Protein backbone atom coordinates (compact mmCIF):
# COMPACT_ATOMS: atom_id res chain seq x y z
CA UNK A 1 -0.02 0.04 0.05
CA UNK A 2 2.89 2.39 0.81
CA UNK A 3 4.33 1.92 -2.66
CA UNK A 4 0.94 3.15 -4.21
CA UNK A 5 0.83 6.00 -1.90
CA UNK A 6 4.44 7.08 -3.00
CA UNK A 7 3.55 6.54 -6.63
CA UNK A 8 0.70 8.87 -6.59
CA UNK A 9 2.61 11.20 -4.51
CA UNK A 10 5.41 11.25 -7.23
CA UNK A 11 2.71 11.51 -10.03
CA UNK A 12 1.12 14.60 -8.56
CA UNK A 13 4.58 16.30 -7.57
CA UNK A 14 5.81 15.71 -11.28
CA UNK A 15 2.39 17.43 -12.56
CA UNK A 16 2.86 20.17 -10.35
CA UNK A 17 6.38 20.52 -11.33
CA UNK A 18 5.63 20.29 -15.09
CA UNK A 19 2.76 22.95 -14.70
CA UNK A 20 5.22 25.40 -12.85
CA UNK A 21 7.72 24.78 -15.77
CA UNK A 22 5.25 25.25 -18.51
CA UNK A 23 4.36 28.73 -16.79
CA UNK A 24 7.71 30.22 -16.95
CA UNK A 25 8.17 32.52 -19.83
CA UNK A 26 11.11 32.71 -22.42
CA UNK A 27 13.42 34.90 -20.42
CA UNK A 28 13.07 32.90 -17.37
CA UNK A 29 13.61 29.54 -19.28
CA UNK A 30 16.71 31.20 -20.98
CA UNK A 31 18.06 32.04 -17.42
CA UNK A 32 18.18 28.13 -16.77
CA UNK A 33 19.83 27.54 -20.08
CA UNK A 34 18.01 24.58 -21.28
CA UNK A 35 14.79 24.14 -23.46
CA UNK A 36 11.22 23.76 -21.84
CA UNK A 37 11.15 20.11 -23.23
CA UNK A 38 14.54 19.43 -21.27
CA UNK A 39 13.11 21.18 -18.28
CA UNK A 40 10.28 18.97 -18.43
CA UNK A 41 12.28 15.90 -19.08
CA UNK A 42 14.35 16.46 -16.07
CA UNK A 43 11.51 17.55 -13.97
CA UNK A 44 10.08 14.09 -14.36
CA UNK A 45 13.41 12.23 -13.38
CA UNK A 46 13.79 10.44 -10.16
CA UNK A 47 14.95 12.50 -7.18
CA UNK A 48 18.25 10.32 -6.78
CA UNK A 49 19.33 10.83 -10.62
CA UNK A 50 22.09 13.47 -9.75
CA UNK A 51 23.41 11.37 -6.75
CA UNK A 52 23.37 8.28 -8.97
CA UNK A 53 25.28 10.16 -11.67
CA UNK A 54 27.95 11.24 -9.06
CA UNK A 55 28.23 7.80 -7.64
CA UNK A 56 28.63 6.47 -11.23
CA UNK A 57 31.33 9.20 -11.97
CA UNK A 58 33.31 8.15 -8.92
CA UNK A 59 33.10 4.45 -10.14
CA UNK A 60 35.07 5.65 -13.19
CA UNK A 61 37.76 7.56 -11.09
CA UNK A 62 35.94 10.91 -11.60
CA UNK A 63 35.27 13.64 -9.05
CA UNK A 64 31.43 14.32 -9.03
CA UNK A 65 32.24 17.96 -10.34
CA UNK A 66 33.68 16.44 -13.66
CA UNK A 67 29.90 16.15 -14.66
CA UNK A 68 29.58 19.73 -14.80
CA UNK A 69 32.38 20.49 -17.38
CA UNK A 70 30.23 20.45 -20.51
CA UNK A 71 26.55 21.72 -19.93
CA UNK A 72 25.08 19.80 -22.97
CA UNK A 73 26.64 16.60 -21.87
CA UNK A 74 25.32 16.96 -18.24
CA UNK A 75 22.01 17.65 -19.57
CA UNK A 76 21.85 14.61 -21.74
CA UNK A 77 23.40 12.40 -19.38
CA UNK A 78 20.80 13.53 -16.73
CA UNK A 79 18.06 12.88 -19.14
CA UNK A 80 19.39 9.31 -20.06
CA UNK A 81 20.11 8.32 -16.26
CA UNK A 82 16.76 9.85 -15.08
CA UNK A 83 14.82 7.67 -17.73
CA UNK A 84 17.11 4.57 -17.84
CA UNK A 85 15.22 1.30 -17.61
CA UNK A 86 17.99 -0.37 -15.76
CA UNK A 87 18.02 1.30 -12.52
CA UNK A 88 17.69 -1.85 -10.40
CA UNK A 89 21.01 -3.39 -12.12
CA UNK A 90 22.62 0.01 -11.44
CA UNK A 91 21.78 0.27 -7.91
CA UNK A 92 23.07 -3.28 -7.26
CA UNK A 93 26.34 -2.43 -9.45
CA UNK A 94 27.03 0.69 -7.63
CA UNK A 95 26.57 -1.22 -4.37
CA UNK A 96 29.44 -3.56 -5.12
CA UNK A 97 27.40 -6.45 -6.54
CA UNK A 98 28.94 -6.33 -9.95
CA UNK A 99 29.59 -9.85 -10.80
CA UNK A 100 31.45 -9.75 -14.26
CA UNK A 101 29.18 -6.74 -15.10
CA UNK A 102 31.06 -3.39 -16.44
CA UNK A 103 29.04 -0.24 -16.58
CA UNK A 104 29.09 -0.32 -20.27
CA UNK A 105 26.81 -3.46 -19.89
CA UNK A 106 24.05 -1.46 -18.66
CA UNK A 107 24.66 2.21 -18.55
CA UNK A 108 23.53 4.51 -21.37
CA UNK A 109 26.02 6.93 -19.88
CA UNK A 110 29.17 4.69 -19.82
CA UNK A 111 30.75 6.42 -23.08
CA UNK A 112 30.42 9.69 -21.41
CA UNK A 113 31.78 8.61 -18.48
CA UNK A 114 35.01 7.12 -20.26
CA UNK A 115 35.32 9.89 -22.61
CA UNK A 116 35.48 12.25 -19.32
CA UNK A 117 37.89 9.92 -17.63
CA UNK A 118 39.95 10.14 -20.76
CA UNK A 119 40.10 13.92 -20.70
CA UNK A 120 40.93 14.08 -16.87
């Protein structure tokens, strides 16, 4: 029962956030530096998306602030992570239950992390 309540609460929060984002005018949207479509997409992401991205960065030998280097990449990675269908696998992998899996086997951002690690 609790999970149903959490899902409904999350859905209502996402709807509220989406309505807020739709109400922003052009200058307010440009202050954020991303399109309204990207804003809405990112608002629909789970709350732990950034923490998950930072943990994955650290697993690749990167400091979490490496994600901030290129704005376009940060937005793309957040969108991919937030809408990823492999969150359960990711959680286990980040918790150390890796078996013979590498991040490139499940993470849509693995190429980005590899590229960031090369340029560090």
